[in-house]
Amino acid sequence: MNIDNTKEFCIRIYVFGTLRKGERLEFYMDDRNYKGLYYTKGQLMKAENGSVYIDFSDKDTVTIGELYEVDFACLQRINHLEAISGEFPKGYDLAVMPVWKQNKEEGYTFNSESKTDAFFYQRRNRPFKILNGDYTADFEPVTEIRKLLNSVLDKKISPVEVLEFYKKKLKNINF
């Protein structure tokens, strides 16, 4: 049995700007895999060029966004927009952060029981570092995710497995 994991909705991604419902770039998202409103720690900021990002130094504020589970094609579209195209001048990198499901009755709590991890695009505030010091061996997250999805043919990969793979790859980079 061969499973094409690139077509499975196994990539959990958090969006908080123009990709949200009702915003100008919402068409990039696959609406049928919308998981709801979520929040994370940090202050939502707007840059001079209109792009938004999260300032993680402010731990007493929340940023509200939406959680989706998307397939690899959707991740590629978002990656093209956020990291490659001229829309936002190559100013974002794929990263992982904790998010919590929004529940208006409970307010904003950051308890570990209801936390989940998700991919998001983090603003690049400084020149991009090639962490391993070797340009030819640089870690390109979307390429590595594609390799994982194409390497497992006997089972569906879960969103948690994709996130854990990514975190493990980051830990194995020589600094």
N, C-alpha and C. Protein backbone atom coordinates (compact mmCIF):
# COMPACT_ATOMS: atom_id res chain seq x y z
N MET A 1 0.84 -1.17 0.00
CA MET A 1 0.00 0.00 0.00
C MET A 1 0.90 1.25 0.00
N ASN A 2 0.73 2.10 -0.98
CA ASN A 2 1.48 3.34 -1.06
C ASN A 2 0.58 4.52 -0.74
N ILE A 3 1.00 5.32 0.20
CA ILE A 3 0.26 6.51 0.58
C ILE A 3 1.08 7.72 0.15
N ASP A 4 0.41 8.68 -0.47
CA ASP A 4 1.07 9.92 -0.86
C ASP A 4 0.82 10.95 0.24
N ASN A 5 1.75 11.04 1.19
CA ASN A 5 1.60 11.94 2.32
C ASN A 5 1.64 13.41 1.92
N THR A 6 2.13 13.72 0.72
CA THR A 6 2.12 15.13 0.29
C THR A 6 0.69 15.62 0.06
N LYS A 7 -0.24 14.69 -0.13
CA LYS A 7 -1.64 15.06 -0.36
C LYS A 7 -2.50 14.97 0.91
N GLU A 8 -1.90 14.54 2.00
CA GLU A 8 -2.60 14.45 3.28
C GLU A 8 -2.53 15.80 4.01
N PHE A 9 -3.52 16.07 4.82
CA PHE A 9 -3.55 17.33 5.59
C PHE A 9 -2.83 17.11 6.91
N CYS A 10 -1.50 17.07 6.83
CA CYS A 10 -0.69 16.69 7.98
C CYS A 10 0.28 17.79 8.42
N ILE A 11 0.08 18.99 7.93
CA ILE A 11 0.96 20.09 8.30
C ILE A 11 0.11 21.12 9.03
N ARG A 12 0.37 21.26 10.31
CA ARG A 12 -0.39 22.20 11.14
C ARG A 12 0.28 23.57 11.07
N ILE A 13 -0.49 24.60 10.63
CA ILE A 13 0.08 25.94 10.47
C ILE A 13 -0.83 26.99 11.08
N TYR A 14 -0.21 27.94 11.74
CA TYR A 14 -0.89 29.04 12.42
C TYR A 14 -0.68 30.31 11.59
N VAL A 15 -1.78 30.98 11.26
CA VAL A 15 -1.69 32.23 10.49
C VAL A 15 -2.35 33.35 11.29
N PHE A 16 -1.80 34.56 11.19
CA PHE A 16 -2.27 35.65 12.04
C PHE A 16 -2.37 36.98 11.32
N GLY A 17 -2.19 36.99 10.01
CA GLY A 17 -2.23 38.25 9.25
C GLY A 17 -3.14 38.15 8.05
N THR A 18 -2.58 38.43 6.88
CA THR A 18 -3.37 38.51 5.66
C THR A 18 -3.89 37.17 5.15
N LEU A 19 -3.45 36.06 5.75
CA LEU A 19 -3.94 34.73 5.35
C LEU A 19 -5.22 34.33 6.11
N ARG A 20 -5.60 35.10 7.13
CA ARG A 20 -6.79 34.78 7.92
C ARG A 20 -8.06 34.98 7.10
N LYS A 21 -9.13 34.32 7.55
CA LYS A 21 -10.44 34.45 6.90
C LYS A 21 -10.83 35.92 6.80
N GLY A 22 -11.33 36.29 5.63
CA GLY A 22 -11.77 37.66 5.41
C GLY A 22 -10.68 38.63 5.01
N GLU A 23 -9.42 38.18 5.05
CA GLU A 23 -8.31 39.05 4.68
C GLU A 23 -7.94 38.83 3.21
N ARG A 24 -7.13 39.70 2.66
CA ARG A 24 -6.91 39.73 1.21
C ARG A 24 -6.22 38.50 0.63
N LEU A 25 -5.50 37.72 1.43
CA LEU A 25 -4.80 36.55 0.90
C LEU A 25 -5.37 35.23 1.44
N GLU A 26 -6.59 35.25 1.93
CA GLU A 26 -7.19 34.06 2.51
C GLU A 26 -7.29 32.91 1.50
N PHE A 27 -7.30 33.21 0.22
CA PHE A 27 -7.43 32.17 -0.80
C PHE A 27 -6.24 31.22 -0.82
N TYR A 28 -5.15 31.56 -0.17
CA TYR A 28 -4.00 30.65 -0.07
C TYR A 28 -4.30 29.46 0.83
N MET A 29 -5.25 29.63 1.74
CA MET A 29 -5.54 28.60 2.74
C MET A 29 -6.61 27.63 2.22
N ASP A 30 -6.61 26.43 2.76
CA ASP A 30 -7.63 25.45 2.42
C ASP A 30 -8.68 25.49 3.53
N ASP A 31 -9.76 26.21 3.27
CA ASP A 31 -10.77 26.52 4.28
C ASP A 31 -11.37 25.27 4.94
N ARG A 32 -11.46 24.15 4.23
CA ARG A 32 -12.11 22.98 4.81
C ARG A 32 -11.31 22.34 5.95
N ASN A 33 -10.06 22.74 6.12
CA ASN A 33 -9.25 22.20 7.21
C ASN A 33 -8.92 23.25 8.25
N TYR A 34 -9.83 24.19 8.39
CA TYR A 34 -9.75 25.23 9.42
C TYR A 34 -10.05 24.59 10.76
N LYS A 35 -9.19 24.81 11.74
CA LYS A 35 -9.34 24.19 13.07
C LYS A 35 -9.85 25.17 14.11
N GLY A 36 -9.95 26.45 13.78
CA GLY A 36 -10.50 27.42 14.71
C GLY A 36 -9.54 28.53 15.06
N LEU A 37 -10.03 29.40 15.95
CA LEU A 37 -9.21 30.50 16.45
C LEU A 37 -8.30 30.00 17.56
N TYR A 38 -7.05 30.41 17.48
CA TYR A 38 -6.03 30.05 18.46
C TYR A 38 -5.28 31.32 18.83
N TYR A 39 -4.48 31.26 19.86
CA TYR A 39 -3.66 32.39 20.25
C TYR A 39 -2.28 31.90 20.68
N THR A 40 -1.34 32.84 20.72
CA THR A 40 0.00 32.55 21.18
C THR A 40 0.51 33.73 22.00
N LYS A 41 1.61 33.54 22.70
CA LYS A 41 2.22 34.63 23.48
C LYS A 41 2.94 35.57 22.53
N GLY A 42 2.80 36.86 22.78
CA GLY A 42 3.53 37.84 21.99
C GLY A 42 2.62 38.93 21.45
N GLN A 43 3.23 40.08 21.19
CA GLN A 43 2.51 41.26 20.70
C GLN A 43 2.48 41.27 19.18
N LEU A 44 1.30 41.37 18.59
CA LEU A 44 1.17 41.50 17.14
C LEU A 44 1.64 42.90 16.75
N MET A 45 2.51 42.95 15.75
CA MET A 45 3.11 44.22 15.32
C MET A 45 2.88 44.40 13.82
N LYS A 46 2.87 45.65 13.39
CA LYS A 46 2.74 45.96 11.97
C LYS A 46 3.95 46.77 11.53
N ALA A 47 4.65 46.27 10.51
CA ALA A 47 5.85 46.93 10.00
C ALA A 47 5.47 48.10 9.08
N GLU A 48 6.47 48.89 8.73
CA GLU A 48 6.26 50.05 7.86
C GLU A 48 5.67 49.65 6.51
N ASN A 49 6.04 48.47 6.01
CA ASN A 49 5.56 48.04 4.70
C ASN A 49 4.18 47.37 4.77
N GLY A 50 3.58 47.32 5.96
CA GLY A 50 2.25 46.74 6.11
C GLY A 50 2.23 45.29 6.54
N SER A 51 3.38 44.63 6.51
CA SER A 51 3.41 43.22 6.93
C SER A 51 3.29 43.15 8.45
N VAL A 52 2.78 42.03 8.94
CA VAL A 52 2.62 41.86 10.38
C VAL A 52 3.54 40.76 10.88
N TYR A 53 3.90 40.85 12.15
CA TYR A 53 4.77 39.86 12.77
C TYR A 53 4.48 39.86 14.26
N ILE A 54 5.04 38.89 14.97
CA ILE A 54 4.84 38.78 16.41
C ILE A 54 6.14 39.15 17.12
N ASP A 55 6.04 40.06 18.06
CA ASP A 55 7.17 40.42 18.92
C ASP A 55 7.08 39.51 20.14
N PHE A 56 7.94 38.50 20.19
CA PHE A 56 7.89 37.50 21.25
C PHE A 56 8.49 37.99 22.57
N SER A 57 9.09 39.15 22.59
CA SER A 57 9.66 39.65 23.84
C SER A 57 8.56 40.10 24.80
N ASP A 58 7.38 40.39 24.30
CA ASP A 58 6.25 40.79 25.14
C ASP A 58 5.44 39.54 25.49
N LYS A 59 5.68 39.00 26.67
CA LYS A 59 5.06 37.74 27.09
C LYS A 59 3.69 37.94 27.74
N ASP A 60 3.30 39.20 27.99
CA ASP A 60 2.04 39.47 28.68
C ASP A 60 0.90 39.80 27.72
N THR A 61 1.11 39.61 26.43
CA THR A 61 0.13 39.93 25.41
C THR A 61 -0.11 38.69 24.56
N VAL A 62 -1.26 38.63 23.91
CA VAL A 62 -1.53 37.51 23.02
C VAL A 62 -1.73 38.00 21.60
N THR A 63 -1.43 37.13 20.66
CA THR A 63 -1.75 37.34 19.26
C THR A 63 -2.75 36.27 18.86
N ILE A 64 -3.86 36.70 18.30
CA ILE A 64 -4.93 35.79 17.88
C ILE A 64 -4.75 35.47 16.40
N GLY A 65 -4.92 34.21 16.07
CA GLY A 65 -4.81 33.77 14.69
C GLY A 65 -5.67 32.56 14.45
N GLU A 66 -5.44 31.89 13.35
CA GLU A 66 -6.22 30.72 12.96
C GLU A 66 -5.29 29.53 12.76
N LEU A 67 -5.77 28.36 13.14
CA LEU A 67 -5.02 27.13 12.94
C LEU A 67 -5.64 26.34 11.81
N TYR A 68 -4.79 25.82 10.93
CA TYR A 68 -5.21 24.98 9.81
C TYR A 68 -4.36 23.72 9.79
N GLU A 69 -4.89 22.66 9.23
CA GLU A 69 -4.08 21.52 8.84
C GLU A 69 -4.13 21.49 7.33
N VAL A 70 -2.96 21.60 6.70
CA VAL A 70 -2.88 21.76 5.25
C VAL A 70 -2.04 20.64 4.64
N ASP A 71 -2.15 20.50 3.33
CA ASP A 71 -1.31 19.55 2.62
C ASP A 71 -0.03 20.26 2.16
N PHE A 72 0.88 19.50 1.55
CA PHE A 72 2.16 20.05 1.16
C PHE A 72 2.02 21.14 0.09
N ALA A 73 1.06 20.99 -0.82
CA ALA A 73 0.85 22.01 -1.86
C ALA A 73 0.49 23.36 -1.24
N CYS A 74 -0.34 23.34 -0.21
CA CYS A 74 -0.70 24.58 0.48
C CYS A 74 0.52 25.16 1.17
N LEU A 75 1.32 24.33 1.84
CA LEU A 75 2.54 24.83 2.47
C LEU A 75 3.46 25.48 1.44
N GLN A 76 3.57 24.88 0.27
CA GLN A 76 4.42 25.46 -0.78
C GLN A 76 3.90 26.83 -1.22
N ARG A 77 2.57 26.97 -1.36
CA ARG A 77 2.00 28.26 -1.73
C ARG A 77 2.34 29.32 -0.68
N ILE A 78 2.14 28.95 0.59
CA ILE A 78 2.41 29.89 1.68
C ILE A 78 3.90 30.22 1.72
N ASN A 79 4.74 29.21 1.56
CA ASN A 79 6.19 29.43 1.57
C ASN A 79 6.61 30.37 0.44
N HIS A 80 6.01 30.19 -0.73
CA HIS A 80 6.33 31.07 -1.85
C HIS A 80 5.96 32.50 -1.50
N LEU A 81 4.81 32.69 -0.92
CA LEU A 81 4.36 34.02 -0.54
C LEU A 81 5.26 34.64 0.54
N GLU A 82 5.52 33.90 1.60
CA GLU A 82 6.19 34.44 2.79
C GLU A 82 7.71 34.50 2.67
N ALA A 83 8.31 33.57 1.95
CA ALA A 83 9.76 33.46 1.98
C ALA A 83 10.44 33.69 0.63
N ILE A 84 9.68 33.67 -0.46
CA ILE A 84 10.33 33.69 -1.77
C ILE A 84 9.87 34.87 -2.63
N SER A 85 8.56 35.12 -2.68
CA SER A 85 8.02 36.12 -3.62
C SER A 85 8.37 37.53 -3.19
N GLY A 86 8.05 38.49 -4.04
CA GLY A 86 8.28 39.89 -3.73
C GLY A 86 7.15 40.49 -2.91
N GLU A 87 6.09 39.74 -2.63
CA GLU A 87 4.96 40.26 -1.85
C GLU A 87 5.44 40.82 -0.52
N PHE A 88 6.16 40.03 0.22
CA PHE A 88 6.81 40.48 1.44
C PHE A 88 8.27 40.10 1.24
N PRO A 89 9.14 41.05 1.07
CA PRO A 89 10.48 40.79 0.53
C PRO A 89 11.31 39.76 1.30
N LYS A 90 11.00 38.51 1.08
CA LYS A 90 11.77 37.39 1.64
C LYS A 90 12.07 37.62 3.12
N GLY A 91 11.07 38.06 3.84
CA GLY A 91 11.29 38.47 5.20
C GLY A 91 10.85 37.49 6.26
N TYR A 92 10.43 36.28 5.89
CA TYR A 92 9.91 35.32 6.86
C TYR A 92 10.53 33.95 6.68
N ASP A 93 10.70 33.25 7.81
CA ASP A 93 11.22 31.89 7.79
C ASP A 93 10.26 30.98 8.54
N LEU A 94 10.18 29.74 8.11
CA LEU A 94 9.34 28.75 8.77
C LEU A 94 9.91 28.42 10.14
N ALA A 95 9.05 28.41 11.14
CA ALA A 95 9.46 28.11 12.51
C ALA A 95 8.30 27.39 13.21
N VAL A 96 8.50 27.00 14.46
CA VAL A 96 7.48 26.30 15.25
C VAL A 96 7.26 27.08 16.53
N MET A 97 6.00 27.16 16.95
CA MET A 97 5.68 27.81 18.21
C MET A 97 4.47 27.17 18.85
N PRO A 98 4.29 27.37 20.16
CA PRO A 98 3.10 26.85 20.83
C PRO A 98 1.90 27.75 20.60
N VAL A 99 0.73 27.14 20.46
CA VAL A 99 -0.53 27.88 20.34
C VAL A 99 -1.57 27.22 21.23
N TRP A 100 -2.58 27.99 21.59
CA TRP A 100 -3.67 27.50 22.44
C TRP A 100 -5.00 27.83 21.80
N LYS A 101 -5.97 26.91 21.90
CA LYS A 101 -7.31 27.10 21.36
C LYS A 101 -8.00 28.23 22.13
N GLN A 102 -8.61 29.15 21.39
CA GLN A 102 -9.29 30.26 22.03
C GLN A 102 -10.62 29.80 22.63
N ASN A 103 -10.83 30.14 23.88
CA ASN A 103 -12.06 29.83 24.60
C ASN A 103 -12.41 31.08 25.41
N LYS A 104 -13.40 31.82 24.93
CA LYS A 104 -13.70 33.12 25.55
C LYS A 104 -14.09 33.01 27.01
N GLU A 105 -14.68 31.89 27.43
CA GLU A 105 -15.07 31.73 28.83
C GLU A 105 -13.85 31.58 29.74
N GLU A 106 -12.80 30.93 29.26
CA GLU A 106 -11.60 30.69 30.07
C GLU A 106 -10.59 31.82 30.00
N GLY A 107 -10.71 32.70 29.04
CA GLY A 107 -9.70 33.74 28.85
C GLY A 107 -8.46 33.16 28.20
N TYR A 108 -7.34 33.81 28.41
CA TYR A 108 -6.09 33.38 27.80
C TYR A 108 -5.20 32.73 28.85
N THR A 109 -5.18 31.43 28.84
CA THR A 109 -4.33 30.69 29.77
C THR A 109 -3.26 29.98 28.96
N PHE A 110 -2.11 29.84 29.52
CA PHE A 110 -0.99 29.21 28.82
C PHE A 110 -0.63 27.90 29.51
N ASN A 111 -1.65 27.07 29.75
CA ASN A 111 -1.38 25.81 30.44
C ASN A 111 -0.86 24.77 29.45
N SER A 112 -0.04 23.89 29.95
CA SER A 112 0.61 22.90 29.09
C SER A 112 -0.37 21.84 28.59
N GLU A 113 -1.48 21.61 29.30
CA GLU A 113 -2.44 20.58 28.89
C GLU A 113 -3.14 20.93 27.57
N SER A 114 -3.39 22.20 27.33
CA SER A 114 -4.12 22.57 26.12
C SER A 114 -3.23 23.16 25.03
N LYS A 115 -1.93 23.15 25.25
CA LYS A 115 -0.97 23.68 24.27
C LYS A 115 -0.78 22.68 23.13
N THR A 116 -0.62 23.22 21.94
CA THR A 116 -0.23 22.41 20.79
C THR A 116 0.81 23.21 20.00
N ASP A 117 1.64 22.53 19.27
CA ASP A 117 2.64 23.22 18.44
C ASP A 117 2.11 23.36 17.03
N ALA A 118 2.58 24.41 16.36
CA ALA A 118 2.19 24.64 14.96
C ALA A 118 3.33 25.36 14.25
N PHE A 119 3.40 25.15 12.94
CA PHE A 119 4.32 25.93 12.12
C PHE A 119 3.75 27.33 11.97
N PHE A 120 4.61 28.29 11.75
CA PHE A 120 4.21 29.65 11.41
C PHE A 120 5.39 30.30 10.70
N TYR A 121 5.15 31.44 10.09
CA TYR A 121 6.23 32.17 9.45
C TYR A 121 6.64 33.33 10.35
N GLN A 122 7.91 33.28 10.79
CA GLN A 122 8.47 34.24 11.72
C GLN A 122 9.24 35.30 10.94
N ARG A 123 9.03 36.54 11.32
CA ARG A 123 9.72 37.64 10.66
C ARG A 123 11.22 37.52 10.86
N ARG A 124 11.93 37.74 9.80
CA ARG A 124 13.39 37.73 9.83
C ARG A 124 13.84 39.15 10.19
N ASN A 125 14.28 39.34 11.41
CA ASN A 125 14.65 40.67 11.88
C ASN A 125 16.11 41.02 11.64
N ARG A 126 16.86 40.08 11.21
CA ARG A 126 18.29 40.31 10.99
C ARG A 126 18.69 39.47 9.76
N PRO A 127 19.89 39.67 9.26
CA PRO A 127 20.31 38.83 8.12
C PRO A 127 20.15 37.35 8.46
N PHE A 128 19.75 36.57 7.49
CA PHE A 128 19.51 35.14 7.70
C PHE A 128 20.84 34.43 7.96
N LYS A 129 20.88 33.69 9.05
CA LYS A 129 22.08 32.96 9.42
C LYS A 129 22.03 31.56 8.81
N ILE A 130 23.12 31.13 8.22
CA ILE A 130 23.26 29.74 7.80
C ILE A 130 23.89 29.04 9.00
N LEU A 131 23.02 28.39 9.75
CA LEU A 131 23.38 27.91 11.07
C LEU A 131 24.53 26.91 11.08
N ASN A 132 24.64 26.09 10.05
CA ASN A 132 25.70 25.08 10.07
C ASN A 132 27.00 25.57 9.45
N GLY A 133 27.03 26.81 8.95
CA GLY A 133 28.25 27.39 8.41
C GLY A 133 28.63 26.92 7.02
N ASP A 134 27.84 26.06 6.40
CA ASP A 134 28.14 25.51 5.09
C ASP A 134 26.96 25.77 4.15
N TYR A 135 27.14 26.70 3.21
CA TYR A 135 26.05 27.08 2.31
C TYR A 135 25.49 25.87 1.55
N THR A 136 26.34 24.94 1.17
CA THR A 136 25.87 23.80 0.37
C THR A 136 25.08 22.79 1.19
N ALA A 137 25.18 22.86 2.52
CA ALA A 137 24.47 21.91 3.38
C ALA A 137 23.39 22.60 4.20
N ASP A 138 22.98 23.80 3.78
CA ASP A 138 22.00 24.56 4.55
C ASP A 138 20.68 23.82 4.65
N PHE A 139 20.03 23.94 5.77
CA PHE A 139 18.74 23.31 6.05
C PHE A 139 17.62 24.16 5.46
N GLU A 140 16.88 23.62 4.50
CA GLU A 140 15.75 24.32 3.89
C GLU A 140 14.50 23.59 4.36
N PRO A 141 13.74 24.18 5.27
CA PRO A 141 12.64 23.47 5.93
C PRO A 141 11.61 22.83 5.01
N VAL A 142 11.14 23.54 4.00
CA VAL A 142 10.08 23.00 3.14
C VAL A 142 10.61 21.81 2.33
N THR A 143 11.86 21.88 1.88
CA THR A 143 12.47 20.75 1.17
C THR A 143 12.58 19.54 2.09
N GLU A 144 12.98 19.76 3.34
CA GLU A 144 13.10 18.64 4.29
C GLU A 144 11.73 18.04 4.61
N ILE A 145 10.70 18.86 4.72
CA ILE A 145 9.35 18.34 4.96
C ILE A 145 8.90 17.50 3.77
N ARG A 146 9.19 17.95 2.56
CA ARG A 146 8.83 17.17 1.37
C ARG A 146 9.53 15.81 1.40
N LYS A 147 10.82 15.79 1.75
CA LYS A 147 11.56 14.52 1.83
C LYS A 147 10.89 13.58 2.82
N LEU A 148 10.51 14.09 3.98
CA LEU A 148 9.83 13.25 4.97
C LEU A 148 8.53 12.69 4.39
N LEU A 149 7.70 13.54 3.83
CA LEU A 149 6.39 13.11 3.31
C LEU A 149 6.55 12.07 2.20
N ASN A 150 7.57 12.22 1.38
CA ASN A 150 7.81 11.27 0.29
C ASN A 150 8.48 9.99 0.75
N SER A 151 9.09 9.98 1.93
CA SER A 151 9.83 8.80 2.38
C SER A 151 8.95 7.77 3.09
N VAL A 152 7.81 8.18 3.59
CA VAL A 152 6.93 7.28 4.32
C VAL A 152 5.76 6.92 3.40
N LEU A 153 5.73 5.66 2.98
CA LEU A 153 4.72 5.23 2.01
C LEU A 153 3.72 4.25 2.59
N ASP A 154 3.97 3.77 3.80
CA ASP A 154 3.13 2.70 4.35
C ASP A 154 2.11 3.17 5.38
N LYS A 155 2.11 4.47 5.71
CA LYS A 155 1.14 4.99 6.68
C LYS A 155 0.96 6.48 6.48
N LYS A 156 -0.18 6.98 6.95
CA LYS A 156 -0.40 8.42 6.92
C LYS A 156 0.40 9.06 8.05
N ILE A 157 1.05 10.15 7.71
CA ILE A 157 1.83 10.89 8.70
C ILE A 157 0.90 11.88 9.39
N SER A 158 1.04 12.00 10.70
CA SER A 158 0.20 12.92 11.47
C SER A 158 0.86 14.29 11.54
N PRO A 159 0.09 15.34 11.85
CA PRO A 159 0.67 16.66 12.05
C PRO A 159 1.73 16.68 13.15
N VAL A 160 1.54 15.92 14.20
CA VAL A 160 2.52 15.86 15.28
C VAL A 160 3.83 15.27 14.78
N GLU A 161 3.77 14.23 13.95
CA GLU A 161 5.00 13.62 13.42
C GLU A 161 5.79 14.60 12.56
N VAL A 162 5.09 15.42 11.76
CA VAL A 162 5.78 16.40 10.92
C VAL A 162 6.48 17.43 11.81
N LEU A 163 5.78 17.92 12.82
CA LEU A 163 6.38 18.90 13.74
C LEU A 163 7.56 18.32 14.50
N GLU A 164 7.46 17.08 14.98
CA GLU A 164 8.56 16.45 15.71
C GLU A 164 9.76 16.23 14.80
N PHE A 165 9.53 15.83 13.55
CA PHE A 165 10.61 15.67 12.58
C PHE A 165 11.35 16.99 12.41
N TYR A 166 10.60 18.08 12.25
CA TYR A 166 11.19 19.40 12.06
C TYR A 166 12.03 19.80 13.27
N LYS A 167 11.49 19.62 14.46
CA LYS A 167 12.22 19.98 15.68
C LYS A 167 13.50 19.17 15.81
N LYS A 168 13.43 17.89 15.47
CA LYS A 168 14.61 17.02 15.55
C LYS A 168 15.67 17.47 14.54
N LYS A 169 15.25 17.83 13.33
CA LYS A 169 16.20 18.31 12.32
C LYS A 169 16.92 19.56 12.81
N LEU A 170 16.17 20.47 13.44
CA LEU A 170 16.78 21.69 13.95
C LEU A 170 17.80 21.39 15.04
N LYS A 171 17.51 20.41 15.90
CA LYS A 171 18.44 20.07 16.97
C LYS A 171 19.72 19.45 16.43
N ASN A 172 19.63 18.81 15.26
CA ASN A 172 20.80 18.12 14.71
C ASN A 172 21.72 19.02 13.88
N ILE A 173 21.34 20.29 13.74
CA ILE A 173 22.19 21.22 13.00
C ILE A 173 23.38 21.58 13.88
N ASN A 174 24.58 21.50 13.32
CA ASN A 174 25.79 21.88 14.06
C ASN A 174 25.89 23.40 14.11
N PHE A 175 25.99 23.96 15.31
CA PHE A 175 26.08 25.42 15.45
C PHE A 175 27.53 25.83 15.54
